[in-house]
């Protein structure tokens, strides 16, 4: 028997058509009007994780998650009702395997219910996992989720794009190490390889294609145990907003990329770069929103937020309200640029005195606050060290200038609000400014 095209395209034996269908890399199914699978070919056994004899005769809804069944039935009804139209946009469903795993597929459908040789809907399944995970990573990025969470999803997309067992994204390379790594399908022992080829690629910017047996032990043994035979180590295109990053694709074949892979590699590297740059820009904007652009300290809005949180969580909380002495004279004498330089120098000295847990903020021209965990006695000790640091002369625009610091201290009491605590610290500061001999005052 031979299959002949009515339009003169030629003919092939029926066996040849069957061989073509059986060897193509996508699943092909024929489904009767009631959802029963009557033909199961192409890559369907691999995708469904079952033999044709185990699938033919079952209903397609048996292979879908319960929450997708109603939608699938409605889609089948649309196909039957509009057989001459078909589906303009392929629907997406998750195919569940007998072992409980699932794979997302975009499904094309050709209704041939009235064709006596078919009597069903021909369905072909196209991979959608890569697009699904990519969509999830971009949604997480736009939602402001932490970068590791975004890159975890993106690494799944990278593996799916190459139909590879695993992928990893190493980002923020500096001084021989990365800020972090997100991976999918890669054993931890592989990621702990030392020396790591991805570190070398981050330094050189040149890709490497390795057999996993070339990795240092025990990473090589872990890779081979996991069925990983090859590794593509690909540098992400550099960008001024981010440090060097590397994408690694872990494969079950040892071969390097071929020409057909080049466009996919370029696209995947752009996706990684996009996420890292977008996150860096978001972090920068967030930093600018709550930090003083001149000194880099927290600004008034961030100070207010941190004070509210400190009072909500409880515990000993004390506020230092600081004001520079003789700053206006420096501004008037040397100009505002010199005044800005002086403020930067003052903040540098204050930070040398403060503990890591103390939070410094600039809330006005020459006004600062310090929010610290501790009682008034501890706060007074910190305040006197701050005063001592500012009493030493500063050099600004080649001129030595002398300034000082006055500090008002208020310890939080039960029932205090941010406003009431600031008022008491401000009143204490006012008393300190009034007295030439008293630079630190603790509010009663």
Protein backbone atom coordinates (compact mmCIF):
# COMPACT_ATOMS: atom_id res chain seq x y z
CA UNK A 1 0.00 0.00 0.00
CA UNK A 2 1.30 3.46 -0.90
CA UNK A 3 0.28 6.89 0.41
CA UNK A 4 -0.23 9.34 -2.47
CA UNK A 5 -0.67 13.07 -2.05
CA UNK A 6 -3.67 14.53 -3.91
CA UNK A 7 -1.74 17.72 -4.68
CA UNK A 8 1.02 15.94 -6.56
CA UNK A 9 3.59 16.18 -3.77
CA UNK A 10 4.64 12.59 -4.37
CA UNK A 11 4.00 9.32 -2.61
CA UNK A 12 5.63 7.06 -0.07
CA UNK A 13 4.80 3.58 1.22
CA UNK A 14 2.62 3.54 4.31
CA UNK A 15 5.48 1.85 6.15
CA UNK A 16 7.71 4.82 5.34
CA UNK A 17 5.19 7.25 6.82
CA UNK A 18 4.97 5.10 9.94
CA UNK A 19 8.76 5.04 10.26
CA UNK A 20 8.92 8.82 9.89
CA UNK A 21 6.35 9.31 12.66
CA UNK A 22 8.02 6.75 14.91
CA UNK A 23 11.45 8.38 14.63
CA UNK A 24 10.60 12.07 14.97
CA UNK A 25 11.57 13.70 18.26
CA UNK A 26 8.08 14.81 19.29
CA UNK A 27 5.21 12.71 20.65
CA UNK A 28 2.31 12.04 18.26
CA UNK A 29 -1.05 10.75 19.46
CA UNK A 30 -4.42 10.10 17.87
CA UNK A 31 -7.33 10.59 20.24
CA UNK A 32 -10.92 9.59 19.60
CA UNK A 33 -13.80 11.95 20.22
CA UNK A 34 -14.31 10.58 23.75
CA UNK A 35 -10.62 11.13 24.68
CA UNK A 36 -9.48 7.53 24.17
CA UNK A 37 -5.93 7.24 22.83
CA UNK A 38 -6.01 5.12 19.66
CA UNK A 39 -2.46 5.72 18.42
CA UNK A 40 0.73 6.39 20.36
CA UNK A 41 3.90 7.16 18.35
CA UNK A 42 6.91 9.37 17.80
CA UNK A 43 8.69 10.23 21.04
CA UNK A 44 5.53 9.55 23.05
CA UNK A 45 6.94 6.52 24.94
CA UNK A 46 9.87 8.62 26.16
CA UNK A 47 7.70 11.58 27.13
CA UNK A 48 4.98 9.52 28.81
CA UNK A 49 7.41 7.06 30.38
CA UNK A 50 5.39 4.08 29.19
CA UNK A 51 5.13 1.59 26.34
CA UNK A 52 2.47 2.01 23.63
CA UNK A 53 0.68 -1.09 24.89
CA UNK A 54 0.31 0.58 28.29
CA UNK A 55 -1.12 3.79 26.85
CA UNK A 56 -3.30 2.88 23.85
CA UNK A 57 -6.86 2.39 25.09
CA UNK A 58 -6.48 4.75 28.05
CA UNK A 59 -8.07 8.17 28.16
CA UNK A 60 -5.92 11.25 27.72
CA UNK A 61 -7.27 12.78 30.94
CA UNK A 62 -5.71 9.91 32.90
CA UNK A 63 -2.32 11.43 32.08
CA UNK A 64 -3.12 14.98 33.22
CA UNK A 65 -3.09 16.50 36.72
CA UNK A 66 -6.61 16.60 38.21
CA UNK A 67 -6.73 20.41 38.14
CA UNK A 68 -6.26 20.40 34.33
CA UNK A 69 -8.86 17.78 33.41
CA UNK A 70 -11.86 20.12 33.11
CA UNK A 71 -9.92 22.51 30.90
CA UNK A 72 -8.71 19.63 28.70
CA UNK A 73 -12.27 18.33 28.26
CA UNK A 74 -13.46 21.81 27.29
CA UNK A 75 -10.60 22.11 24.80
CA UNK A 76 -11.51 18.76 23.23
CA UNK A 77 -15.12 19.94 22.96
CA UNK A 78 -14.00 23.09 21.16
CA UNK A 79 -11.98 21.02 18.70
CA UNK A 80 -14.91 18.77 17.89
CA UNK A 81 -17.33 21.68 17.60
CA UNK A 82 -15.02 23.67 15.34
CA UNK A 83 -13.29 20.87 13.46
CA UNK A 84 -12.76 23.05 10.39
CA UNK A 85 -10.90 25.68 12.43
CA UNK A 86 -8.66 23.79 14.85
CA UNK A 87 -6.71 25.57 17.57
CA UNK A 88 -4.98 28.77 16.56
CA UNK A 89 -2.99 28.91 19.80
CA UNK A 90 -1.65 25.56 21.12
CA UNK A 91 -2.78 24.92 24.71
CA UNK A 92 -0.25 23.96 27.37
CA UNK A 93 -0.71 20.97 29.69
CA UNK A 94 1.43 18.98 32.09
CA UNK A 95 1.84 15.32 31.14
CA UNK A 96 2.12 13.08 34.21
CA UNK A 97 4.27 9.94 34.01
CA UNK A 98 3.67 6.69 35.94
CA UNK A 99 6.61 7.51 38.24
CA UNK A 100 4.91 10.73 39.40
CA UNK A 101 7.12 13.15 37.46
CA UNK A 102 5.66 15.56 34.95
CA UNK A 103 6.68 17.50 31.88
CA UNK A 104 5.00 20.57 30.39
CA UNK A 105 4.09 20.40 26.73
CA UNK A 106 2.51 22.73 24.18
CA UNK A 107 -0.03 20.68 22.25
CA UNK A 108 -0.89 21.12 18.60
CA UNK A 109 -4.04 19.45 17.35
CA UNK A 110 -5.44 18.57 13.93
CA UNK A 111 -9.07 17.34 14.02
CA UNK A 112 -9.61 14.48 11.53
CA UNK A 113 -12.66 12.88 13.08
CA UNK A 114 -14.44 12.52 9.75
CA UNK A 115 -11.43 10.99 7.98
CA UNK A 116 -12.10 7.23 7.79
CA UNK A 117 -8.37 6.48 8.00
CA UNK A 118 -7.90 8.47 11.23
CA UNK A 119 -11.25 9.04 12.99
CA UNK A 120 -9.76 11.14 15.69
CA UNK A 121 -7.75 14.20 16.63
CA UNK A 122 -4.06 14.06 15.77
CA UNK A 123 -2.06 15.63 18.59
CA UNK A 124 1.64 16.46 18.58
CA UNK A 125 3.42 17.58 21.71
CA UNK A 126 6.16 20.22 21.77
CA UNK A 127 8.46 20.92 24.70
CA UNK A 128 7.29 23.77 26.95
CA UNK A 129 9.30 23.21 30.14
CA UNK A 130 11.95 25.74 29.11
CA UNK A 131 9.40 28.47 28.42
CA UNK A 132 7.48 27.66 31.61
CA UNK A 133 10.56 27.95 33.83
CA UNK A 134 11.70 31.06 31.98
CA UNK A 135 8.30 32.68 32.53
CA UNK A 136 8.46 31.74 36.22
CA UNK A 137 11.94 33.24 36.60
CA UNK A 138 10.92 36.51 34.95
CA UNK A 139 7.75 36.68 37.07
CA UNK A 140 9.85 36.14 40.21
CA UNK A 141 12.25 38.85 39.05
CA UNK A 142 9.46 41.37 38.49
CA UNK A 143 7.91 40.43 41.85
CA UNK A 144 11.17 41.37 43.59
CA UNK A 145 11.94 37.88 44.88
CA UNK A 146 15.52 37.26 46.11
CA UNK A 147 18.03 36.72 43.31
CA UNK A 148 18.81 33.07 44.28
CA UNK A 149 15.11 32.20 43.92
CA UNK A 150 14.98 33.83 40.48
CA UNK A 151 18.12 32.06 39.30
CA UNK A 152 16.96 28.69 40.64
CA UNK A 153 14.02 28.87 38.23
CA UNK A 154 16.21 30.20 35.45
CA UNK A 155 18.68 27.32 35.82
CA UNK A 156 15.79 24.90 35.22
CA UNK A 157 14.95 26.79 32.04
CA UNK A 158 18.57 26.66 30.89
CA UNK A 159 18.69 22.86 31.32
CA UNK A 160 15.39 22.45 29.49
CA UNK A 161 16.46 24.62 26.55
CA UNK A 162 19.31 22.17 25.88
CA UNK A 163 17.37 19.06 26.94
CA UNK A 164 20.22 18.57 29.40
CA UNK A 165 20.12 16.83 32.79
CA UNK A 166 21.31 19.93 34.63
CA UNK A 167 22.49 23.53 34.53
CA UNK A 168 24.05 25.98 36.96
CA UNK A 169 24.45 29.75 37.06
CA UNK A 170 27.47 31.14 38.92
CA UNK A 171 27.28 34.89 39.46
CA UNK A 172 29.13 37.79 41.06
CA UNK A 173 32.71 36.59 40.55
CA UNK A 174 35.30 38.52 42.55
CA UNK A 175 38.67 37.60 44.02
CA UNK A 176 38.61 33.92 43.11
CA UNK A 177 35.05 33.24 44.23
CA UNK A 178 31.43 33.75 43.21
CA UNK A 179 28.76 35.55 45.21
CA UNK A 180 26.44 32.61 44.66
CA UNK A 181 25.44 29.61 42.55
CA UNK A 182 21.98 28.42 41.51
CA UNK A 183 21.68 24.95 40.02
CA UNK A 184 19.16 22.40 38.82
CA UNK A 185 19.94 18.72 38.32
CA UNK A 186 23.61 19.06 39.33
CA UNK A 187 24.95 17.16 42.37
CA UNK A 188 26.39 19.35 45.14
CA UNK A 189 29.71 17.50 44.89
CA UNK A 190 30.04 18.65 41.29
CA UNK A 191 29.50 22.29 42.22
CA UNK A 192 32.18 22.00 44.91
CA UNK A 193 34.89 21.16 42.34
CA UNK A 194 38.22 22.78 43.17
CA UNK A 195 39.80 24.20 41.17
CA UNK A 196 36.54 25.02 39.41
CA UNK A 197 36.60 25.44 35.63
CA UNK A 198 33.85 28.08 35.89
CA UNK A 199 36.18 30.24 37.97
CA UNK A 200 38.78 30.03 35.21
CA UNK A 201 36.18 30.94 32.59
CA UNK A 202 35.04 33.91 34.71
CA UNK A 203 38.64 35.16 34.76
CA UNK A 204 39.43 34.57 31.08
CA UNK A 205 36.05 35.10 29.42
CA UNK A 206 36.73 32.07 27.20
CA UNK A 207 34.31 29.08 27.12
CA UNK A 208 35.46 25.57 27.92
CA UNK A 209 33.99 22.23 26.88
CA UNK A 210 34.97 19.34 29.14
CA UNK A 211 34.36 15.71 29.71
CA UNK A 212 33.21 15.39 33.30
CA UNK A 213 36.05 12.96 33.93
CA UNK A 214 38.37 15.97 33.51
CA UNK A 215 36.91 17.54 36.65
CA UNK A 216 38.92 17.19 39.87
CA UNK A 217 37.99 14.34 42.18
CA UNK A 218 35.48 13.84 43.83
CA UNK A 219 33.45 16.08 41.48
CA UNK A 220 34.26 13.80 38.54
CA UNK A 221 33.04 10.69 40.38
CA UNK A 222 29.81 12.43 41.43
CA UNK A 223 29.17 13.55 37.85
CA UNK A 224 29.71 10.09 36.42
CA UNK A 225 27.50 8.53 39.11
CA UNK A 226 24.75 10.96 38.06
CA UNK A 227 25.10 10.01 34.39
CA UNK A 228 26.74 13.32 33.44
CA UNK A 229 29.37 12.94 30.71
CA UNK A 230 29.99 16.44 29.37
CA UNK A 231 30.12 20.00 30.63
CA UNK A 232 29.84 23.28 28.72
CA UNK A 233 31.25 26.21 30.70
CA UNK A 234 29.98 29.41 29.07
CA UNK A 235 30.86 33.00 30.08
CA UNK A 236 27.91 35.37 30.34
CA UNK A 237 28.52 38.50 28.22
CA UNK A 238 30.11 41.17 30.45
CA UNK A 239 28.14 44.18 31.63
CA UNK A 240 29.21 47.19 33.68
CA UNK A 241 26.38 46.66 36.18
CA UNK A 242 27.37 43.16 37.29
CA UNK A 243 30.44 41.07 38.02
CA UNK A 244 31.48 38.16 35.82
CA UNK A 245 29.00 35.29 35.60
CA UNK A 246 29.14 31.82 34.07
CA UNK A 247 26.50 29.40 32.81
CA UNK A 248 27.34 25.69 32.98
CA UNK A 249 25.33 23.12 31.03
CA UNK A 250 25.75 19.55 32.33
CA UNK A 251 25.08 16.98 29.62
CA UNK A 252 24.70 13.24 29.30
CA UNK A 253 26.97 13.30 26.22
CA UNK A 254 30.62 14.40 26.15
CA UNK A 255 30.46 16.29 22.87
CA UNK A 256 31.05 20.06 22.54
CA UNK A 257 28.36 22.27 20.97
CA UNK A 258 27.69 22.07 17.24
CA UNK A 259 26.55 24.86 14.92
CA UNK A 260 22.88 24.26 15.73
CA UNK A 261 23.57 25.01 19.39
CA UNK A 262 25.08 28.45 18.81
CA UNK A 263 21.85 30.43 18.60
CA UNK A 264 20.43 28.66 21.67
CA UNK A 265 23.62 29.33 23.63
CA UNK A 266 23.54 33.02 22.68
CA UNK A 267 19.88 33.32 23.66
CA UNK A 268 20.34 31.58 27.01
CA UNK A 269 23.35 33.72 27.90
CA UNK A 270 21.30 36.83 27.13
CA UNK A 271 18.56 35.60 29.46
CA UNK A 272 21.07 35.16 32.30
CA UNK A 273 22.59 38.57 31.62
CA UNK A 274 19.13 40.17 31.53
CA UNK A 275 18.19 38.78 34.94
CA UNK A 276 21.49 39.76 36.57
CA UNK A 277 21.48 43.29 35.12
CA UNK A 278 17.81 43.84 35.96
CA UNK A 279 18.41 42.67 39.54
CA UNK A 280 21.48 44.90 39.90
CA UNK A 281 19.55 47.92 38.64
CA UNK A 282 16.67 47.12 40.98
CA UNK A 283 19.07 46.84 43.94
CA UNK A 284 20.66 50.15 42.98
CA UNK A 285 17.31 51.92 42.76
CA UNK A 286 16.23 50.42 46.07
CA UNK A 287 19.49 51.58 47.65
CA UNK A 288 19.05 55.10 46.27
CA UNK A 289 15.49 55.19 47.56
CA UNK A 290 16.49 54.72 51.19
CA UNK A 291 20.08 56.02 51.35
CA UNK A 292 21.60 59.46 51.34
CA UNK A 293 23.30 59.94 47.94
CA UNK A 294 26.15 62.04 49.38
CA UNK A 295 27.27 60.06 52.41
CA UNK A 296 25.81 56.63 51.67
CA UNK A 297 24.13 56.46 55.07
CA UNK A 298 20.47 55.60 55.53
CA UNK A 299 18.14 58.52 54.81
CA UNK A 300 15.21 59.82 56.82
CA UNK A 301 12.70 57.35 55.31
CA UNK A 302 14.86 54.32 56.08
CA UNK A 303 15.63 55.64 59.57
CA UNK A 304 11.91 55.98 60.26
CA UNK A 305 11.22 52.44 59.03
CA UNK A 306 14.06 50.94 61.09
CA UNK A 307 12.94 52.83 64.20
CA UNK A 308 9.38 51.56 63.80
CA UNK A 309 10.65 48.00 63.47
CA UNK A 310 12.90 48.33 66.51
CA UNK A 311 10.01 49.55 68.69
CA UNK A 312 7.72 46.80 67.40
CA UNK A 313 10.17 44.00 68.13
CA UNK A 314 10.98 45.30 71.61
CA UNK A 315 14.24 44.99 73.50
CA UNK A 316 16.50 47.82 74.68
CA UNK A 317 16.49 50.50 71.98
CA UNK A 318 18.22 53.84 72.26
CA UNK A 319 18.30 56.79 69.87
CA UNK A 320 21.20 59.21 69.45
CA UNK A 321 20.26 62.51 67.81
CA UNK A 322 23.44 64.22 66.56
CA UNK A 323 24.10 67.68 65.18
CA UNK A 324 27.43 69.03 63.95
CA UNK A 325 28.86 72.15 65.54
CA UNK A 326 30.31 75.01 63.46
CA UNK A 327 29.38 73.32 60.19
CA UNK A 328 27.64 76.43 58.82
CA UNK A 329 30.82 78.44 59.30
CA UNK A 330 32.75 75.99 57.13
CA UNK A 331 30.06 76.15 54.44
CA UNK A 332 30.03 79.97 54.48
CA UNK A 333 33.81 80.23 54.42
CA UNK A 334 34.81 77.49 51.97
CA UNK A 335 31.63 76.85 49.99
CA UNK A 336 29.09 74.05 49.70
CA UNK A 337 31.42 71.69 47.86
CA UNK A 338 33.85 71.85 50.77
CA UNK A 339 30.92 71.35 53.13
CA UNK A 340 29.90 68.20 51.25
CA UNK A 341 33.46 66.88 51.47
CA UNK A 342 33.46 67.56 55.21
CA UNK A 343 30.21 65.63 55.69
CA UNK A 344 31.69 62.61 53.90
CA UNK A 345 34.79 62.77 56.12
CA UNK A 346 32.67 63.06 59.27
CA UNK A 347 30.58 60.02 58.31
CA UNK A 348 33.77 58.05 57.69
CA UNK A 349 34.97 58.77 61.22
CA UNK A 350 31.58 58.04 62.79
CA UNK A 351 31.50 54.65 61.12
CA UNK A 352 34.89 53.78 62.56
CA UNK A 353 33.45 54.20 66.06
CA UNK A 354 30.06 52.59 65.59
CA UNK A 355 29.47 48.87 66.02
CA UNK A 356 28.15 46.74 63.12
CA UNK A 357 24.70 46.63 64.73
CA UNK A 358 24.47 50.43 65.11
CA UNK A 359 22.49 52.12 62.33
CA UNK A 360 23.65 55.54 61.17
CA UNK A 361 21.33 57.83 59.18
CA UNK A 362 21.56 61.36 57.80
CA UNK A 363 18.21 63.03 58.31
CA UNK A 364 19.09 66.65 57.52
CA UNK A 365 21.89 68.90 56.31
CA UNK A 366 24.28 68.24 59.21
CA UNK A 367 21.99 66.16 61.40
CA UNK A 368 22.47 62.44 61.99
CA UNK A 369 20.80 59.76 64.05
CA UNK A 370 22.21 56.54 65.44
CA UNK A 371 19.80 53.74 66.33
CA UNK A 372 21.42 51.20 68.60
CA UNK A 373 20.44 48.20 70.65
CA UNK A 374 21.43 48.86 74.23
CA UNK A 375 20.64 50.98 77.25
CA UNK A 376 21.39 54.65 77.84
CA UNK A 377 24.71 53.88 79.53
CA UNK A 378 26.00 52.01 76.50
CA UNK A 379 24.63 54.72 74.24
CA UNK A 380 26.40 57.44 76.22
CA UNK A 381 29.73 55.62 75.86
CA UNK A 382 29.21 55.42 72.09
CA UNK A 383 28.18 59.08 71.94
CA UNK A 384 31.32 60.26 73.72
CA UNK A 385 33.49 58.31 71.31
CA UNK A 386 31.66 59.95 68.41
CA UNK A 387 32.26 63.39 69.92
CA UNK A 388 35.95 62.64 70.42
CA UNK A 389 36.33 61.59 66.76
CA UNK A 390 34.86 64.84 65.47
CA UNK A 391 37.00 67.02 67.75
CA UNK A 392 40.15 66.15 65.82
CA UNK A 393 40.74 68.64 62.95
CA UNK A 394 39.60 67.85 59.43
CA UNK A 395 41.39 68.87 56.25
CA UNK A 396 39.04 70.23 53.61
CA UNK A 397 40.18 71.79 50.34
CA UNK A 398 43.69 72.03 51.73
CA UNK A 399 42.49 73.87 54.84
CA UNK A 400 42.31 72.51 58.39
CA UNK A 401 38.92 73.10 60.00
CA UNK A 402 37.58 72.33 63.42
CA UNK A 403 34.02 71.22 64.03
CA UNK A 404 32.34 69.22 66.76
CA UNK A 405 29.29 67.16 67.59
CA UNK A 406 26.42 67.54 70.01
CA UNK A 407 24.35 64.48 70.92
CA UNK A 408 20.97 63.98 72.54
CA UNK A 409 20.15 60.50 73.84
CA UNK A 410 16.75 58.94 74.53
CA UNK A 411 16.12 55.35 75.56
CA UNK A 412 12.83 53.83 74.44
CA UNK A 413 10.23 53.41 77.16
CA UNK A 414 7.04 51.32 77.18
CA UNK A 415 4.43 53.04 75.05
CA UNK A 416 6.95 55.08 73.07
CA UNK A 417 6.18 55.81 69.44
CA UNK A 418 8.76 56.83 66.85
CA UNK A 419 7.58 60.44 67.19
CA UNK A 420 7.75 60.50 70.99
CA UNK A 421 11.22 58.93 71.07
CA UNK A 422 12.52 61.40 68.47
CA UNK A 423 11.01 64.33 70.41
CA UNK A 424 12.79 63.31 73.61
CA UNK A 425 16.11 62.79 71.81
CA UNK A 426 15.70 66.14 70.04
CA UNK A 427 14.97 67.89 73.34
CA UNK A 428 18.12 66.35 74.82
CA UNK A 429 20.09 67.54 71.78
CA UNK A 430 18.74 71.04 72.29
CA UNK A 431 20.05 71.01 75.86
CA UNK A 432 23.45 69.80 74.63
CA UNK A 433 23.61 72.61 72.04
CA UNK A 434 22.71 75.24 74.64
CA UNK A 435 25.60 74.39 76.92
CA UNK A 436 29.12 75.02 75.55
CA UNK A 437 30.60 72.57 78.06
CA UNK A 438 28.13 69.69 77.65
CA UNK A 439 28.13 67.88 74.34
CA UNK A 440 26.16 64.78 75.35
CA UNK A 441 22.81 64.90 77.20
CA UNK A 442 20.66 61.93 78.16
CA UNK A 443 16.91 62.54 78.21
CA UNK A 444 15.19 61.78 81.53
